[in-house]
């Protein structure tokens, strides 16, 4: 069964060149969905930063497209516990 992240990725993929999509989103992994926040694991800080800085608008539009207008997506490096400084990194 597809996760909400799979649905969001499918939408994002339609708006990006395949190479960019694979490079930045290919190694992401669904962690959890609390209703108002979806947490996604990323393998490195560099990938997290690139997604947040360059692709957050695509992610936000995809979240709306899948019917979750009040949901934020949070990217966490390696699935570790939340760093309080990362609160601003929600999309």
C-alpha atoms as a PDB file:
ATOM      1  CA  UNK A   1       0.000   0.000   0.000  1.00  0.00           C
ATOM      2  CA  UNK A   2       1.314   3.439  -0.927  1.00  0.00           C
ATOM      3  CA  UNK A   3       2.111   5.914   1.836  1.00  0.00           C
ATOM      4  CA  UNK A   4       1.164   9.572   1.763  1.00  0.00           C
ATOM      5  CA  UNK A   5       4.810  10.282   0.898  1.00  0.00           C
ATOM      6  CA  UNK A   6       4.532   8.000  -2.147  1.00  0.00           C
ATOM      7  CA  UNK A   7       1.516  10.037  -3.264  1.00  0.00           C
ATOM      8  CA  UNK A   8       3.377  13.321  -2.740  1.00  0.00           C
ATOM      9  CA  UNK A   9       6.433  12.010  -4.595  1.00  0.00           C
ATOM     10  CA  UNK A  10       4.304  10.940  -7.538  1.00  0.00           C
ATOM     11  CA  UNK A  11       2.972  14.481  -7.802  1.00  0.00           C
ATOM     12  CA  UNK A  12       6.411  16.118  -7.382  1.00  0.00           C
ATOM     13  CA  UNK A  13       7.890  13.799 -10.013  1.00  0.00           C
ATOM     14  CA  UNK A  14       5.531  15.186 -12.682  1.00  0.00           C
ATOM     15  CA  UNK A  15       7.072  18.661 -12.296  1.00  0.00           C
ATOM     16  CA  UNK A  16      10.803  17.887 -12.220  1.00  0.00           C
ATOM     17  CA  UNK A  17      13.343  16.522 -14.678  1.00  0.00           C
ATOM     18  CA  UNK A  18      13.819  12.822 -13.878  1.00  0.00           C
ATOM     19  CA  UNK A  19      17.493  13.284 -13.018  1.00  0.00           C
ATOM     20  CA  UNK A  20      16.721  16.032 -10.478  1.00  0.00           C
ATOM     21  CA  UNK A  21      13.923  13.984  -8.961  1.00  0.00           C
ATOM     22  CA  UNK A  22      16.150  10.912  -8.534  1.00  0.00           C
ATOM     23  CA  UNK A  23      19.064  12.933  -7.186  1.00  0.00           C
ATOM     24  CA  UNK A  24      17.147  14.794  -4.488  1.00  0.00           C
ATOM     25  CA  UNK A  25      14.120  12.631  -3.701  1.00  0.00           C
ATOM     26  CA  UNK A  26      15.258   9.114  -4.627  1.00  0.00           C
ATOM     27  CA  UNK A  27      16.827   8.347  -1.264  1.00  0.00           C
ATOM     28  CA  UNK A  28      14.109   9.832   0.922  1.00  0.00           C
ATOM     29  CA  UNK A  29      12.039   7.546   3.134  1.00  0.00           C
ATOM     30  CA  UNK A  30       8.679   7.877   4.839  1.00  0.00           C
ATOM     31  CA  UNK A  31       9.005   7.989   8.642  1.00  0.00           C
ATOM     32  CA  UNK A  32       5.599   8.986  10.050  1.00  0.00           C
ATOM     33  CA  UNK A  33       2.343  10.856   9.563  1.00  0.00           C
ATOM     34  CA  UNK A  34       0.710  12.534  12.547  1.00  0.00           C
ATOM     35  CA  UNK A  35      -2.028  14.152  10.488  1.00  0.00           C
ATOM     36  CA  UNK A  36      -0.701  17.699  10.507  1.00  0.00           C
ATOM     37  CA  UNK A  37       2.934  16.697   9.928  1.00  0.00           C
ATOM     38  CA  UNK A  38       4.593  14.108   7.720  1.00  0.00           C
ATOM     39  CA  UNK A  39       8.153  13.244   8.705  1.00  0.00           C
ATOM     40  CA  UNK A  40      10.569  12.124   6.002  1.00  0.00           C
ATOM     41  CA  UNK A  41      14.058  10.724   6.462  1.00  0.00           C
ATOM     42  CA  UNK A  42      16.840  11.971   4.217  1.00  0.00           C
ATOM     43  CA  UNK A  43      20.373  10.548   4.079  1.00  0.00           C
ATOM     44  CA  UNK A  44      22.343  13.775   4.545  1.00  0.00           C
ATOM     45  CA  UNK A  45      22.150  17.384   5.616  1.00  0.00           C
ATOM     46  CA  UNK A  46      23.104  18.462   2.090  1.00  0.00           C
ATOM     47  CA  UNK A  47      20.090  16.678   0.598  1.00  0.00           C
ATOM     48  CA  UNK A  48      17.786  18.013   3.308  1.00  0.00           C
ATOM     49  CA  UNK A  49      19.008  21.549   2.688  1.00  0.00           C
ATOM     50  CA  UNK A  50      18.636  21.235  -1.093  1.00  0.00           C
ATOM     51  CA  UNK A  51      15.068  19.923  -0.841  1.00  0.00           C
ATOM     52  CA  UNK A  52      14.046  22.636   1.617  1.00  0.00           C
ATOM     53  CA  UNK A  53      15.775  25.467  -0.245  1.00  0.00           C
ATOM     54  CA  UNK A  54      15.030  24.491  -3.852  1.00  0.00           C
ATOM     55  CA  UNK A  55      12.012  22.203  -3.900  1.00  0.00           C
ATOM     56  CA  UNK A  56       9.776  23.252  -1.010  1.00  0.00           C
ATOM     57  CA  UNK A  57       7.261  24.903  -3.358  1.00  0.00           C
ATOM     58  CA  UNK A  58       6.913  21.645  -5.314  1.00  0.00           C
ATOM     59  CA  UNK A  59       6.390  19.707  -2.097  1.00  0.00           C
ATOM     60  CA  UNK A  60       3.814  22.221  -0.821  1.00  0.00           C
ATOM     61  CA  UNK A  61       1.859  22.048  -4.077  1.00  0.00           C
ATOM     62  CA  UNK A  62       1.972  18.254  -4.013  1.00  0.00           C
ATOM     63  CA  UNK A  63       0.653  18.199  -0.439  1.00  0.00           C
ATOM     64  CA  UNK A  64      -2.272  20.347  -1.575  1.00  0.00           C
ATOM     65  CA  UNK A  65      -2.816  18.152  -4.634  1.00  0.00           C
ATOM     66  CA  UNK A  66      -3.168  15.028  -2.472  1.00  0.00           C
ATOM     67  CA  UNK A  67      -5.747  16.752  -0.293  1.00  0.00           C
ATOM     68  CA  UNK A  68      -3.715  17.631   2.799  1.00  0.00           C
ATOM     69  CA  UNK A  69      -3.815  21.464   2.910  1.00  0.00           C
ATOM     70  CA  UNK A  70      -2.972  21.737   6.620  1.00  0.00           C
ATOM     71  CA  UNK A  71      -0.120  19.243   6.623  1.00  0.00           C
ATOM     72  CA  UNK A  72       3.560  20.178   6.846  1.00  0.00           C
ATOM     73  CA  UNK A  73       6.396  17.972   5.648  1.00  0.00           C
ATOM     74  CA  UNK A  74       9.443  17.765   7.890  1.00  0.00           C
ATOM     75  CA  UNK A  75      12.757  16.406   6.632  1.00  0.00           C
ATOM     76  CA  UNK A  76      15.033  14.731   9.186  1.00  0.00           C
ATOM     77  CA  UNK A  77      18.556  13.541   8.457  1.00  0.00           C
ATOM     78  CA  UNK A  78      18.983   9.814   8.962  1.00  0.00           C
ATOM     79  CA  UNK A  79      15.843   9.348  11.034  1.00  0.00           C
ATOM     80  CA  UNK A  80      17.481  10.740  14.162  1.00  0.00           C
ATOM     81  CA  UNK A  81      15.624  12.577  16.887  1.00  0.00           C
ATOM     82  CA  UNK A  82      14.466  16.082  16.183  1.00  0.00           C
ATOM     83  CA  UNK A  83      17.012  18.844  16.459  1.00  0.00           C
ATOM     84  CA  UNK A  84      15.235  21.864  17.973  1.00  0.00           C
ATOM     85  CA  UNK A  85      16.932  24.090  15.401  1.00  0.00           C
ATOM     86  CA  UNK A  86      15.219  22.207  12.570  1.00  0.00           C
ATOM     87  CA  UNK A  87      11.740  23.481  13.393  1.00  0.00           C
ATOM     88  CA  UNK A  88      12.012  26.064  10.606  1.00  0.00           C
ATOM     89  CA  UNK A  89      12.743  23.327   8.090  1.00  0.00           C
ATOM     90  CA  UNK A  90       9.152  22.247   7.653  1.00  0.00           C
ATOM     91  CA  UNK A  91       7.690  22.554   4.192  1.00  0.00           C
END
